[in-house]
Amino acid sequence: MRLDAFLDVVRKADQPVVLLEGTRALPDAERPALARLARALATLLPGAIFRSGNAPGSDAAFVEGVAAVDQRRIEVVLPHPGHRGSWMPRGAYAASINDISRQTLRALVALTGSVTPRHMALAEKFEPVGSRLPPKPEAIIRLILRDALKVVGDPDTVLAPATVGIFRENLEDPDAGGTGHTIRCCREMGVPVVLSHDWRRWLRQMGGARPS
């Protein structure tokens, strides 16, 4: 996607939400580029909300850039309340899987089964409160459903659906892990996806994305 097309999509949305996320295994040398991009986009799009999963690596780098402009325009979607609370930007809005309606949970389970079928059995057994799943499978499915929630949104938690998703994917295997799952959720829901080859071109266009 071209930068001008991306900006047009976001500016035309009634409740623009830009999903910023990616691999946890982000090389340290790339962190400044992600932060510069997020800072530039937050400056260019003063009406947009920027959503993350509060994970280390790419999520943290993107959030750092948005926070330099306005921490109040950050939404953090969590697998459980208080997840990585010490890394939560002050002023950010946070919601977790525990906060969503039953209707939204059913939609997330259905979406997960459609795009990542191997997780369907776990998703169908999951309960936000009082789950009987063993700790490790529960932790996995909370993350997977959280990733779907970032895309779908939930009216009960004031989470609008994502307008577009920007990812620093695993360059060797873009379908891998939670990032790959989120990308597939976006495509299933008709949410435009921006991958590294696109936003790196944007950075060059913006001269390094160093807004004044």
N, C-alpha and C. Protein backbone atom coordinates (compact mmCIF):
# COMPACT_ATOMS: atom_id res chain seq x y z
N MET A 1 0.84 -1.20 0.00
CA MET A 1 0.00 0.00 0.00
C MET A 1 0.87 1.25 0.00
N ARG A 2 0.51 2.21 -0.82
CA ARG A 2 1.23 3.47 -0.87
C ARG A 2 0.86 4.33 0.33
N LEU A 3 1.76 5.23 0.72
CA LEU A 3 1.52 6.10 1.86
C LEU A 3 0.28 6.96 1.66
N ASP A 4 0.12 7.54 0.47
CA ASP A 4 -1.03 8.41 0.25
C ASP A 4 -2.34 7.63 0.33
N ALA A 5 -2.33 6.38 -0.14
CA ALA A 5 -3.53 5.55 -0.05
C ALA A 5 -3.85 5.20 1.40
N PHE A 6 -2.82 4.88 2.17
CA PHE A 6 -3.00 4.59 3.59
C PHE A 6 -3.60 5.80 4.32
N LEU A 7 -3.02 6.97 4.11
CA LEU A 7 -3.50 8.17 4.78
C LEU A 7 -4.95 8.45 4.40
N ASP A 8 -5.30 8.21 3.15
CA ASP A 8 -6.66 8.44 2.68
C ASP A 8 -7.65 7.51 3.38
N VAL A 9 -7.28 6.23 3.51
CA VAL A 9 -8.14 5.25 4.18
C VAL A 9 -8.39 5.67 5.63
N VAL A 10 -7.34 6.05 6.32
CA VAL A 10 -7.47 6.40 7.74
C VAL A 10 -8.28 7.69 7.90
N ARG A 11 -8.00 8.68 7.09
CA ARG A 11 -8.68 9.97 7.23
C ARG A 11 -10.17 9.89 6.90
N LYS A 12 -10.56 8.94 6.07
CA LYS A 12 -11.98 8.79 5.72
C LYS A 12 -12.77 7.96 6.73
N ALA A 13 -12.09 7.29 7.64
CA ALA A 13 -12.77 6.43 8.61
C ALA A 13 -13.46 7.27 9.69
N ASP A 14 -14.64 6.82 10.13
CA ASP A 14 -15.36 7.52 11.19
C ASP A 14 -14.63 7.43 12.53
N GLN A 15 -14.11 6.25 12.84
CA GLN A 15 -13.35 6.03 14.07
C GLN A 15 -12.03 5.35 13.69
N PRO A 16 -11.07 6.12 13.18
CA PRO A 16 -9.85 5.48 12.67
C PRO A 16 -9.00 4.85 13.77
N VAL A 17 -8.69 3.58 13.57
CA VAL A 17 -7.83 2.84 14.49
C VAL A 17 -6.73 2.18 13.67
N VAL A 18 -5.49 2.54 13.97
CA VAL A 18 -4.33 1.98 13.28
C VAL A 18 -3.68 0.96 14.22
N LEU A 19 -3.66 -0.29 13.79
CA LEU A 19 -3.04 -1.36 14.56
C LEU A 19 -1.55 -1.38 14.25
N LEU A 20 -0.72 -1.26 15.30
CA LEU A 20 0.74 -1.26 15.15
C LEU A 20 1.30 -2.42 15.95
N GLU A 21 1.92 -3.37 15.29
CA GLU A 21 2.45 -4.51 16.03
C GLU A 21 3.40 -5.32 15.19
N GLY A 22 3.95 -6.37 15.81
CA GLY A 22 4.85 -7.23 15.07
C GLY A 22 5.63 -8.16 15.96
N THR A 23 6.68 -8.69 15.40
CA THR A 23 7.49 -9.70 16.06
C THR A 23 8.11 -9.19 17.35
N ARG A 24 8.16 -10.08 18.33
CA ARG A 24 8.88 -9.76 19.57
C ARG A 24 10.39 -9.76 19.33
N ALA A 25 10.82 -10.57 18.37
CA ALA A 25 12.26 -10.71 18.10
C ALA A 25 12.75 -9.59 17.20
N LEU A 26 12.55 -8.37 17.62
CA LEU A 26 12.96 -7.20 16.83
C LEU A 26 14.42 -6.89 17.10
N PRO A 27 15.27 -6.85 16.06
CA PRO A 27 16.66 -6.47 16.29
C PRO A 27 16.75 -5.06 16.87
N ASP A 28 17.65 -4.86 17.81
CA ASP A 28 17.78 -3.55 18.45
C ASP A 28 18.01 -2.44 17.43
N ALA A 29 18.72 -2.76 16.35
CA ALA A 29 19.05 -1.75 15.35
C ALA A 29 17.81 -1.24 14.62
N GLU A 30 16.71 -2.02 14.64
CA GLU A 30 15.49 -1.60 13.93
C GLU A 30 14.54 -0.79 14.79
N ARG A 31 14.73 -0.82 16.09
CA ARG A 31 13.79 -0.15 16.99
C ARG A 31 13.60 1.33 16.66
N PRO A 32 14.66 2.10 16.41
CA PRO A 32 14.46 3.52 16.11
C PRO A 32 13.60 3.77 14.87
N ALA A 33 13.71 2.91 13.85
CA ALA A 33 12.92 3.10 12.63
C ALA A 33 11.43 2.92 12.92
N LEU A 34 11.06 1.92 13.71
CA LEU A 34 9.65 1.71 14.05
C LEU A 34 9.11 2.88 14.88
N ALA A 35 9.92 3.35 15.82
CA ALA A 35 9.49 4.48 16.64
C ALA A 35 9.33 5.74 15.79
N ARG A 36 10.23 5.96 14.83
CA ARG A 36 10.13 7.14 13.97
C ARG A 36 8.89 7.08 13.09
N LEU A 37 8.62 5.88 12.58
CA LEU A 37 7.43 5.72 11.74
C LEU A 37 6.17 6.02 12.54
N ALA A 38 6.05 5.44 13.73
CA ALA A 38 4.86 5.65 14.55
C ALA A 38 4.71 7.11 14.94
N ARG A 39 5.82 7.76 15.25
CA ARG A 39 5.77 9.18 15.61
C ARG A 39 5.29 10.01 14.42
N ALA A 40 5.79 9.71 13.25
CA ALA A 40 5.38 10.44 12.05
C ALA A 40 3.90 10.24 11.76
N LEU A 41 3.42 9.00 11.87
CA LEU A 41 2.01 8.73 11.57
C LEU A 41 1.09 9.38 12.60
N ALA A 42 1.50 9.37 13.87
CA ALA A 42 0.70 10.02 14.90
C ALA A 42 0.62 11.52 14.66
N THR A 43 1.68 12.09 14.10
CA THR A 43 1.69 13.51 13.78
C THR A 43 0.83 13.81 12.57
N LEU A 44 0.90 12.96 11.55
CA LEU A 44 0.14 13.16 10.32
C LEU A 44 -1.35 12.89 10.50
N LEU A 45 -1.70 12.07 11.50
CA LEU A 45 -3.08 11.61 11.68
C LEU A 45 -3.56 11.95 13.10
N PRO A 46 -3.80 13.22 13.38
CA PRO A 46 -4.16 13.62 14.74
C PRO A 46 -5.49 13.07 15.23
N GLY A 47 -6.34 12.59 14.31
CA GLY A 47 -7.62 12.04 14.70
C GLY A 47 -7.62 10.53 14.91
N ALA A 48 -6.48 9.89 14.73
CA ALA A 48 -6.42 8.43 14.79
C ALA A 48 -6.03 7.92 16.18
N ILE A 49 -6.54 6.74 16.49
CA ILE A 49 -6.12 5.97 17.67
C ILE A 49 -5.14 4.91 17.18
N PHE A 50 -4.11 4.64 17.99
CA PHE A 50 -3.10 3.65 17.63
C PHE A 50 -3.15 2.52 18.66
N ARG A 51 -3.35 1.30 18.16
CA ARG A 51 -3.61 0.14 19.01
C ARG A 51 -2.45 -0.83 18.99
N SER A 52 -2.16 -1.40 20.16
CA SER A 52 -1.04 -2.33 20.32
C SER A 52 -1.44 -3.42 21.29
N GLY A 53 -0.60 -4.45 21.36
CA GLY A 53 -0.82 -5.52 22.32
C GLY A 53 0.08 -5.46 23.52
N ASN A 54 0.88 -4.39 23.65
CA ASN A 54 1.77 -4.18 24.80
C ASN A 54 2.80 -5.31 24.95
N ALA A 55 3.22 -5.87 23.83
CA ALA A 55 4.25 -6.91 23.85
C ALA A 55 5.63 -6.27 23.70
N PRO A 56 6.68 -6.95 24.14
CA PRO A 56 8.03 -6.43 23.90
C PRO A 56 8.37 -6.51 22.41
N GLY A 57 9.42 -5.82 22.01
CA GLY A 57 9.86 -5.86 20.62
C GLY A 57 9.15 -4.82 19.78
N SER A 58 8.50 -5.24 18.70
CA SER A 58 7.89 -4.31 17.75
C SER A 58 6.80 -3.47 18.38
N ASP A 59 5.92 -4.10 19.17
CA ASP A 59 4.83 -3.34 19.80
C ASP A 59 5.38 -2.19 20.62
N ALA A 60 6.38 -2.50 21.44
CA ALA A 60 6.95 -1.48 22.32
C ALA A 60 7.60 -0.36 21.53
N ALA A 61 8.26 -0.69 20.43
CA ALA A 61 8.92 0.34 19.62
C ALA A 61 7.89 1.24 18.96
N PHE A 62 6.84 0.66 18.42
CA PHE A 62 5.78 1.47 17.81
C PHE A 62 5.13 2.39 18.85
N VAL A 63 4.81 1.85 20.02
CA VAL A 63 4.15 2.63 21.06
C VAL A 63 5.04 3.77 21.53
N GLU A 64 6.33 3.54 21.59
CA GLU A 64 7.26 4.60 21.97
C GLU A 64 7.11 5.81 21.04
N GLY A 65 6.95 5.54 19.75
CA GLY A 65 6.81 6.63 18.80
C GLY A 65 5.51 7.39 18.96
N VAL A 66 4.39 6.67 19.15
CA VAL A 66 3.11 7.34 19.35
C VAL A 66 3.12 8.13 20.65
N ALA A 67 3.69 7.55 21.70
CA ALA A 67 3.72 8.21 23.01
C ALA A 67 4.48 9.53 22.97
N ALA A 68 5.44 9.66 22.06
CA ALA A 68 6.18 10.92 21.93
C ALA A 68 5.29 12.04 21.40
N VAL A 69 4.15 11.67 20.79
CA VAL A 69 3.21 12.66 20.26
C VAL A 69 2.04 12.85 21.21
N ASP A 70 1.39 11.74 21.63
CA ASP A 70 0.22 11.84 22.51
C ASP A 70 -0.11 10.46 23.07
N GLN A 71 0.22 10.23 24.34
CA GLN A 71 -0.03 8.94 24.96
C GLN A 71 -1.53 8.62 25.05
N ARG A 72 -2.37 9.64 25.06
CA ARG A 72 -3.81 9.41 25.20
C ARG A 72 -4.42 8.79 23.96
N ARG A 73 -3.69 8.74 22.86
CA ARG A 73 -4.21 8.15 21.62
C ARG A 73 -3.71 6.72 21.43
N ILE A 74 -3.23 6.13 22.51
CA ILE A 74 -2.77 4.73 22.47
C ILE A 74 -3.83 3.85 23.12
N GLU A 75 -4.21 2.78 22.44
CA GLU A 75 -5.05 1.73 23.01
C GLU A 75 -4.22 0.46 23.15
N VAL A 76 -4.32 -0.16 24.30
CA VAL A 76 -3.57 -1.39 24.55
C VAL A 76 -4.57 -2.51 24.84
N VAL A 77 -4.49 -3.57 24.06
CA VAL A 77 -5.40 -4.71 24.20
C VAL A 77 -4.60 -5.86 24.81
N LEU A 78 -5.08 -6.35 25.95
CA LEU A 78 -4.29 -7.27 26.78
C LEU A 78 -4.90 -8.67 26.84
N PRO A 79 -4.04 -9.70 27.03
CA PRO A 79 -4.57 -11.06 27.20
C PRO A 79 -5.22 -11.26 28.56
N HIS A 80 -4.83 -10.46 29.55
CA HIS A 80 -5.47 -10.49 30.86
C HIS A 80 -5.19 -9.15 31.55
N PRO A 81 -6.02 -8.75 32.51
CA PRO A 81 -5.84 -7.45 33.14
C PRO A 81 -4.45 -7.30 33.77
N GLY A 82 -3.84 -6.14 33.57
CA GLY A 82 -2.54 -5.86 34.19
C GLY A 82 -1.35 -6.43 33.46
N HIS A 83 -1.55 -7.05 32.30
CA HIS A 83 -0.44 -7.67 31.56
C HIS A 83 0.65 -6.64 31.28
N ARG A 84 1.87 -6.92 31.72
CA ARG A 84 3.02 -6.01 31.53
C ARG A 84 2.67 -4.57 31.93
N GLY A 85 2.03 -4.48 33.11
CA GLY A 85 1.54 -3.19 33.56
C GLY A 85 2.62 -2.14 33.71
N SER A 86 3.82 -2.54 34.06
CA SER A 86 4.90 -1.56 34.24
C SER A 86 5.31 -0.92 32.92
N TRP A 87 4.90 -1.52 31.78
CA TRP A 87 5.23 -0.98 30.46
C TRP A 87 4.06 -0.22 29.85
N MET A 88 3.00 -0.06 30.61
CA MET A 88 1.81 0.62 30.08
C MET A 88 2.06 2.12 29.98
N PRO A 89 1.87 2.71 28.81
CA PRO A 89 2.04 4.16 28.69
C PRO A 89 1.01 4.90 29.55
N ARG A 90 1.46 5.90 30.27
CA ARG A 90 0.54 6.70 31.08
C ARG A 90 -0.46 7.40 30.15
N GLY A 91 -1.72 7.30 30.50
CA GLY A 91 -2.75 7.94 29.68
C GLY A 91 -3.35 7.04 28.62
N ALA A 92 -2.75 5.86 28.38
CA ALA A 92 -3.27 4.93 27.38
C ALA A 92 -4.55 4.27 27.88
N TYR A 93 -5.43 3.91 26.95
CA TYR A 93 -6.64 3.17 27.29
C TYR A 93 -6.33 1.68 27.18
N ALA A 94 -6.69 0.92 28.21
CA ALA A 94 -6.41 -0.52 28.21
C ALA A 94 -7.70 -1.32 28.35
N ALA A 95 -7.78 -2.42 27.61
CA ALA A 95 -8.88 -3.37 27.73
C ALA A 95 -8.29 -4.76 27.60
N SER A 96 -8.94 -5.72 28.20
CA SER A 96 -8.44 -7.10 28.14
C SER A 96 -9.54 -8.05 27.70
N ILE A 97 -9.13 -9.28 27.42
CA ILE A 97 -10.08 -10.33 27.05
C ILE A 97 -11.15 -10.50 28.12
N ASN A 98 -10.81 -10.25 29.38
CA ASN A 98 -11.78 -10.41 30.46
C ASN A 98 -12.92 -9.40 30.39
N ASP A 99 -12.75 -8.31 29.64
CA ASP A 99 -13.74 -7.23 29.61
C ASP A 99 -14.81 -7.39 28.53
N ILE A 100 -14.62 -8.32 27.61
CA ILE A 100 -15.47 -8.34 26.42
C ILE A 100 -16.78 -9.08 26.65
N SER A 101 -17.74 -8.82 25.78
CA SER A 101 -19.04 -9.48 25.86
C SER A 101 -18.95 -10.93 25.38
N ARG A 102 -19.94 -11.73 25.74
CA ARG A 102 -19.99 -13.12 25.27
C ARG A 102 -20.14 -13.16 23.75
N GLN A 103 -20.89 -12.22 23.22
CA GLN A 103 -21.08 -12.18 21.77
C GLN A 103 -19.75 -11.95 21.06
N THR A 104 -18.96 -11.02 21.57
CA THR A 104 -17.66 -10.75 20.96
C THR A 104 -16.74 -11.95 21.12
N LEU A 105 -16.76 -12.59 22.28
CA LEU A 105 -15.92 -13.77 22.48
C LEU A 105 -16.27 -14.85 21.46
N ARG A 106 -17.55 -15.07 21.21
CA ARG A 106 -17.94 -16.07 20.21
C ARG A 106 -17.42 -15.68 18.82
N ALA A 107 -17.46 -14.39 18.50
CA ALA A 107 -16.94 -13.94 17.21
C ALA A 107 -15.44 -14.18 17.11
N LEU A 108 -14.71 -13.96 18.21
CA LEU A 108 -13.26 -14.17 18.21
C LEU A 108 -12.92 -15.66 18.05
N VAL A 109 -13.70 -16.50 18.70
CA VAL A 109 -13.48 -17.95 18.57
C VAL A 109 -13.72 -18.39 17.13
N ALA A 110 -14.79 -17.90 16.53
CA ALA A 110 -15.10 -18.27 15.14
C ALA A 110 -14.01 -17.78 14.19
N LEU A 111 -13.54 -16.56 14.39
CA LEU A 111 -12.49 -16.01 13.54
C LEU A 111 -11.20 -16.81 13.69
N THR A 112 -10.86 -17.14 14.93
CA THR A 112 -9.65 -17.94 15.18
C THR A 112 -9.74 -19.29 14.49
N GLY A 113 -10.90 -19.94 14.57
CA GLY A 113 -11.06 -21.22 13.91
C GLY A 113 -10.95 -21.12 12.41
N SER A 114 -11.34 -19.99 11.85
CA SER A 114 -11.28 -19.80 10.40
C SER A 114 -9.86 -19.57 9.91
N VAL A 115 -9.09 -18.74 10.64
CA VAL A 115 -7.77 -18.35 10.12
C VAL A 115 -6.62 -19.17 10.68
N THR A 116 -6.80 -19.75 11.89
CA THR A 116 -5.75 -20.59 12.50
C THR A 116 -6.43 -21.79 13.13
N PRO A 117 -6.88 -22.73 12.31
CA PRO A 117 -7.72 -23.83 12.80
C PRO A 117 -7.11 -24.65 13.94
N ARG A 118 -5.78 -24.71 14.00
CA ARG A 118 -5.18 -25.55 15.04
C ARG A 118 -5.49 -25.05 16.45
N HIS A 119 -5.91 -23.80 16.58
CA HIS A 119 -6.23 -23.25 17.89
C HIS A 119 -7.72 -23.34 18.22
N MET A 120 -8.52 -23.89 17.32
CA MET A 120 -9.97 -23.87 17.52
C MET A 120 -10.39 -24.66 18.76
N ALA A 121 -9.82 -25.82 18.98
CA ALA A 121 -10.22 -26.65 20.11
C ALA A 121 -9.99 -25.93 21.44
N LEU A 122 -8.84 -25.26 21.55
CA LEU A 122 -8.56 -24.48 22.76
C LEU A 122 -9.50 -23.31 22.89
N ALA A 123 -9.72 -22.62 21.78
CA ALA A 123 -10.57 -21.42 21.81
C ALA A 123 -11.98 -21.77 22.28
N GLU A 124 -12.52 -22.90 21.85
CA GLU A 124 -13.88 -23.29 22.22
C GLU A 124 -13.98 -23.63 23.71
N LYS A 125 -12.87 -24.03 24.33
CA LYS A 125 -12.89 -24.39 25.77
C LYS A 125 -12.58 -23.21 26.68
N PHE A 126 -12.17 -22.09 26.10
CA PHE A 126 -11.69 -20.97 26.91
C PHE A 126 -12.84 -20.23 27.59
N GLU A 127 -12.63 -19.87 28.84
CA GLU A 127 -13.52 -18.98 29.58
C GLU A 127 -12.67 -17.88 30.19
N PRO A 128 -13.05 -16.61 30.02
CA PRO A 128 -12.23 -15.52 30.57
C PRO A 128 -12.06 -15.59 32.08
N VAL A 129 -13.12 -16.02 32.78
CA VAL A 129 -13.06 -16.15 34.23
C VAL A 129 -13.42 -17.60 34.58
N GLY A 130 -12.58 -18.23 35.39
CA GLY A 130 -12.86 -19.59 35.81
C GLY A 130 -12.52 -20.63 34.76
N SER A 131 -11.58 -20.33 33.87
CA SER A 131 -11.19 -21.30 32.84
C SER A 131 -10.57 -22.53 33.50
N ARG A 132 -10.89 -23.69 32.94
CA ARG A 132 -10.33 -24.94 33.46
C ARG A 132 -9.18 -25.47 32.61
N LEU A 133 -8.74 -24.66 31.66
CA LEU A 133 -7.58 -25.06 30.87
C LEU A 133 -6.31 -25.05 31.72
N PRO A 134 -5.36 -25.93 31.42
CA PRO A 134 -4.06 -25.86 32.10
C PRO A 134 -3.39 -24.51 31.83
N PRO A 135 -2.50 -24.07 32.70
CA PRO A 135 -1.92 -22.72 32.59
C PRO A 135 -1.28 -22.41 31.24
N LYS A 136 -0.48 -23.31 30.69
CA LYS A 136 0.21 -22.99 29.44
C LYS A 136 -0.77 -22.87 28.26
N PRO A 137 -1.65 -23.86 28.05
CA PRO A 137 -2.63 -23.68 26.96
C PRO A 137 -3.51 -22.44 27.15
N GLU A 138 -3.87 -22.14 28.40
CA GLU A 138 -4.69 -20.94 28.62
C GLU A 138 -3.92 -19.68 28.24
N ALA A 139 -2.64 -19.62 28.60
CA ALA A 139 -1.83 -18.45 28.25
C ALA A 139 -1.74 -18.29 26.73
N ILE A 140 -1.58 -19.41 26.03
CA ILE A 140 -1.48 -19.37 24.57
C ILE A 140 -2.78 -18.85 23.94
N ILE A 141 -3.91 -19.40 24.38
CA ILE A 141 -5.18 -19.03 23.73
C ILE A 141 -5.60 -17.62 24.12
N ARG A 142 -5.21 -17.16 25.30
CA ARG A 142 -5.47 -15.76 25.65
C ARG A 142 -4.75 -14.82 24.68
N LEU A 143 -3.52 -15.14 24.35
CA LEU A 143 -2.77 -14.31 23.41
C LEU A 143 -3.40 -14.34 22.02
N ILE A 144 -3.81 -15.53 21.59
CA ILE A 144 -4.39 -15.68 20.26
C ILE A 144 -5.72 -14.93 20.15
N LEU A 145 -6.57 -15.07 21.16
CA LEU A 145 -7.85 -14.36 21.15
C LEU A 145 -7.65 -12.86 21.30
N ARG A 146 -6.65 -12.46 22.09
CA ARG A 146 -6.31 -11.05 22.21
C ARG A 146 -5.95 -10.47 20.85
N ASP A 147 -5.17 -11.23 20.08
CA ASP A 147 -4.77 -10.75 18.74
C ASP A 147 -5.99 -10.57 17.84
N ALA A 148 -6.93 -11.48 17.92
CA ALA A 148 -8.17 -11.33 17.13
C ALA A 148 -8.97 -10.13 17.59
N LEU A 149 -9.02 -9.91 18.91
CA LEU A 149 -9.75 -8.77 19.47
C LEU A 149 -9.19 -7.44 18.97
N LYS A 150 -7.89 -7.36 18.81
CA LYS A 150 -7.28 -6.12 18.30
C LYS A 150 -7.83 -5.75 16.93
N VAL A 151 -8.21 -6.75 16.16
CA VAL A 151 -8.74 -6.53 14.81
C VAL A 151 -10.24 -6.27 14.84
N VAL A 152 -10.98 -7.10 15.55
CA VAL A 152 -12.44 -7.06 15.53
C VAL A 152 -12.99 -5.91 16.36
N GLY A 153 -12.35 -5.63 17.52
CA GLY A 153 -12.88 -4.63 18.44
C GLY A 153 -14.04 -5.18 19.25
N ASP A 154 -14.60 -4.34 20.13
CA ASP A 154 -15.70 -4.75 20.99
C ASP A 154 -16.43 -3.52 21.49
N PRO A 155 -17.70 -3.36 21.14
CA PRO A 155 -18.42 -2.14 21.54
C PRO A 155 -18.52 -1.97 23.05
N ASP A 156 -18.53 -3.07 23.82
CA ASP A 156 -18.67 -2.95 25.27
C ASP A 156 -17.42 -2.36 25.93
N THR A 157 -16.29 -2.44 25.26
CA THR A 157 -15.06 -1.88 25.81
C THR A 157 -14.61 -0.65 25.02
N VAL A 158 -15.48 -0.11 24.21
CA VAL A 158 -15.20 1.09 23.40
C VAL A 158 -14.03 0.84 22.45
N LEU A 159 -13.86 -0.41 22.02
CA LEU A 159 -12.83 -0.73 21.03
C LEU A 159 -13.48 -0.79 19.65
N ALA A 160 -13.21 0.20 18.82
CA ALA A 160 -13.72 0.17 17.45
C ALA A 160 -12.94 -0.87 16.64
N PRO A 161 -13.51 -1.40 15.58
CA PRO A 161 -12.74 -2.31 14.71
C PRO A 161 -11.52 -1.60 14.13
N ALA A 162 -10.47 -2.37 13.88
CA ALA A 162 -9.26 -1.80 13.28
C ALA A 162 -9.57 -1.29 11.87
N THR A 163 -8.99 -0.17 11.53
CA THR A 163 -9.13 0.40 10.19
C THR A 163 -8.07 -0.14 9.25
N VAL A 164 -6.85 -0.29 9.75
CA VAL A 164 -5.72 -0.80 8.97
C VAL A 164 -4.69 -1.33 9.95
N GLY A 165 -3.92 -2.32 9.53
CA GLY A 165 -2.88 -2.89 10.38
C GLY A 165 -1.50 -2.71 9.77
N ILE A 166 -0.57 -2.22 10.58
CA ILE A 166 0.82 -2.06 10.15
C ILE A 166 1.66 -3.03 10.97
N PHE A 167 2.48 -3.83 10.29
CA PHE A 167 3.20 -4.91 10.96
C PHE A 167 4.69 -4.90 10.63
N ARG A 168 5.48 -5.23 11.64
CA ARG A 168 6.86 -5.64 11.39
C ARG A 168 6.82 -7.16 11.57
N GLU A 169 6.53 -7.84 10.47
CA GLU A 169 6.34 -9.28 10.50
C GLU A 169 7.67 -10.02 10.60
N ASN A 170 7.60 -11.32 10.85
CA ASN A 170 8.78 -12.19 10.73
C ASN A 170 9.13 -12.25 9.25
N LEU A 171 10.26 -11.69 8.88
CA LEU A 171 10.59 -11.54 7.47
C LEU A 171 10.82 -12.89 6.78
N GLU A 172 11.24 -13.90 7.53
CA GLU A 172 11.47 -15.22 6.94
C GLU A 172 10.18 -16.03 6.84
N ASP A 173 9.23 -15.75 7.73
CA ASP A 173 7.97 -16.50 7.73
C ASP A 173 6.86 -15.59 8.24
N PRO A 174 6.28 -14.76 7.36
CA PRO A 174 5.27 -13.79 7.79
C PRO A 174 4.04 -14.40 8.44
N ASP A 175 3.77 -15.68 8.18
CA ASP A 175 2.60 -16.33 8.76
C ASP A 175 2.86 -16.88 10.16
N ALA A 176 4.07 -16.73 10.66
CA ALA A 176 4.43 -17.36 11.93
C ALA A 176 3.83 -16.63 13.12
N GLY A 177 3.54 -17.40 14.18
CA GLY A 177 3.22 -16.85 15.48
C GLY A 177 1.98 -15.98 15.54
N GLY A 178 1.93 -15.19 16.63
CA GLY A 178 0.80 -14.32 16.85
C GLY A 178 0.67 -13.23 15.81
N THR A 179 1.82 -12.74 15.31
CA THR A 179 1.76 -11.71 14.28
C THR A 179 1.13 -12.27 13.00
N GLY A 180 1.53 -13.46 12.61
CA GLY A 180 0.92 -14.09 11.44
C GLY A 180 -0.57 -14.30 11.63
N HIS A 181 -0.97 -14.71 12.84
CA HIS A 181 -2.39 -14.90 13.15
C HIS A 181 -3.14 -13.57 13.00
N THR A 182 -2.56 -12.49 13.51
CA THR A 182 -3.22 -11.18 13.43
C THR A 182 -3.34 -10.71 11.99
N ILE A 183 -2.31 -10.94 11.20
CA ILE A 183 -2.36 -10.58 9.77
C ILE A 183 -3.49 -11.34 9.07
N ARG A 184 -3.62 -12.63 9.38
CA ARG A 184 -4.69 -13.42 8.76
C ARG A 184 -6.06 -12.94 9.24
N CYS A 185 -6.16 -12.55 10.51
CA CYS A 185 -7.44 -11.99 11.01
C CYS A 185 -7.79 -10.73 10.24
N CYS A 186 -6.81 -9.87 10.02
CA CYS A 186 -7.06 -8.64 9.26
C CYS A 186 -7.59 -8.97 7.87
N ARG A 187 -6.92 -9.86 7.19
CA ARG A 187 -7.32 -10.18 5.82
C ARG A 187 -8.70 -10.81 5.78
N GLU A 188 -9.00 -11.66 6.76
CA GLU A 188 -10.32 -12.29 6.82
C GLU A 188 -11.41 -11.25 7.03
N MET A 189 -11.10 -10.21 7.80
CA MET A 189 -12.09 -9.17 8.13
C MET A 189 -12.07 -8.00 7.15
N GLY A 190 -11.24 -8.09 6.11
CA GLY A 190 -11.18 -7.03 5.11
C GLY A 190 -10.43 -5.79 5.57
N VAL A 191 -9.56 -5.94 6.56
CA VAL A 191 -8.76 -4.82 7.07
C VAL A 191 -7.46 -4.76 6.28
N PRO A 192 -7.15 -3.64 5.63
CA PRO A 192 -5.90 -3.55 4.86
C PRO A 192 -4.68 -3.83 5.73
N VAL A 193 -3.71 -4.50 5.14
CA VAL A 193 -2.48 -4.89 5.84
C VAL A 193 -1.29 -4.19 5.20
N VAL A 194 -0.45 -3.59 6.03
CA VAL A 194 0.79 -2.95 5.58
C VAL A 194 1.96 -3.71 6.19
N LEU A 195 2.82 -4.27 5.34
CA LEU A 195 3.97 -5.02 5.81
C LEU A 195 5.25 -4.20 5.65
N SER A 196 6.36 -4.79 6.07
CA SER A 196 7.62 -4.05 6.17
C SER A 196 8.07 -3.42 4.87
N HIS A 197 7.88 -4.12 3.75
CA HIS A 197 8.37 -3.55 2.49
C HIS A 197 7.63 -2.28 2.13
N ASP A 198 6.37 -2.14 2.60
CA ASP A 198 5.60 -0.92 2.35
C ASP A 198 6.06 0.22 3.25
N TRP A 199 6.03 -0.02 4.57
CA TRP A 199 6.32 1.11 5.46
C TRP A 199 7.79 1.52 5.43
N ARG A 200 8.67 0.63 5.02
CA ARG A 200 10.07 1.07 4.83
C ARG A 200 10.17 2.04 3.66
N ARG A 201 9.35 1.82 2.64
CA ARG A 201 9.30 2.77 1.54
C ARG A 201 8.73 4.11 2.01
N TRP A 202 7.73 4.05 2.91
CA TRP A 202 7.19 5.29 3.46
C TRP A 202 8.26 6.08 4.19
N LEU A 203 9.07 5.39 4.97
CA LEU A 203 10.15 6.07 5.70
C LEU A 203 11.08 6.81 4.75
N ARG A 204 11.40 6.16 3.65
CA ARG A 204 12.28 6.83 2.68
C ARG A 204 11.57 8.05 2.09
N GLN A 205 10.27 7.93 1.82
CA GLN A 205 9.51 9.05 1.29
C GLN A 205 9.51 10.22 2.25
N MET A 206 9.39 9.91 3.54
CA MET A 206 9.27 10.94 4.55
C MET A 206 10.64 11.42 5.04
N GLY A 207 11.70 10.99 4.35
CA GLY A 207 13.03 11.45 4.74
C GLY A 207 13.46 10.99 6.11
N GLY A 208 13.08 9.74 6.44
CA GLY A 208 13.47 9.23 7.76
C GLY A 208 12.39 9.42 8.79
N ALA A 209 11.28 10.04 8.38
CA ALA A 209 10.14 10.21 9.28
C ALA A 209 10.52 10.92 10.56
N ARG A 210 11.13 12.09 10.42
CA ARG A 210 11.48 12.89 11.59
C ARG A 210 10.63 14.16 11.58
N PRO A 211 9.41 14.07 12.12
CA PRO A 211 8.54 15.23 12.12
C PRO A 211 9.07 16.33 13.00
N SER A 212 8.77 17.58 12.64
CA SER A 212 9.22 18.68 13.47
C SER A 212 8.37 18.80 14.73
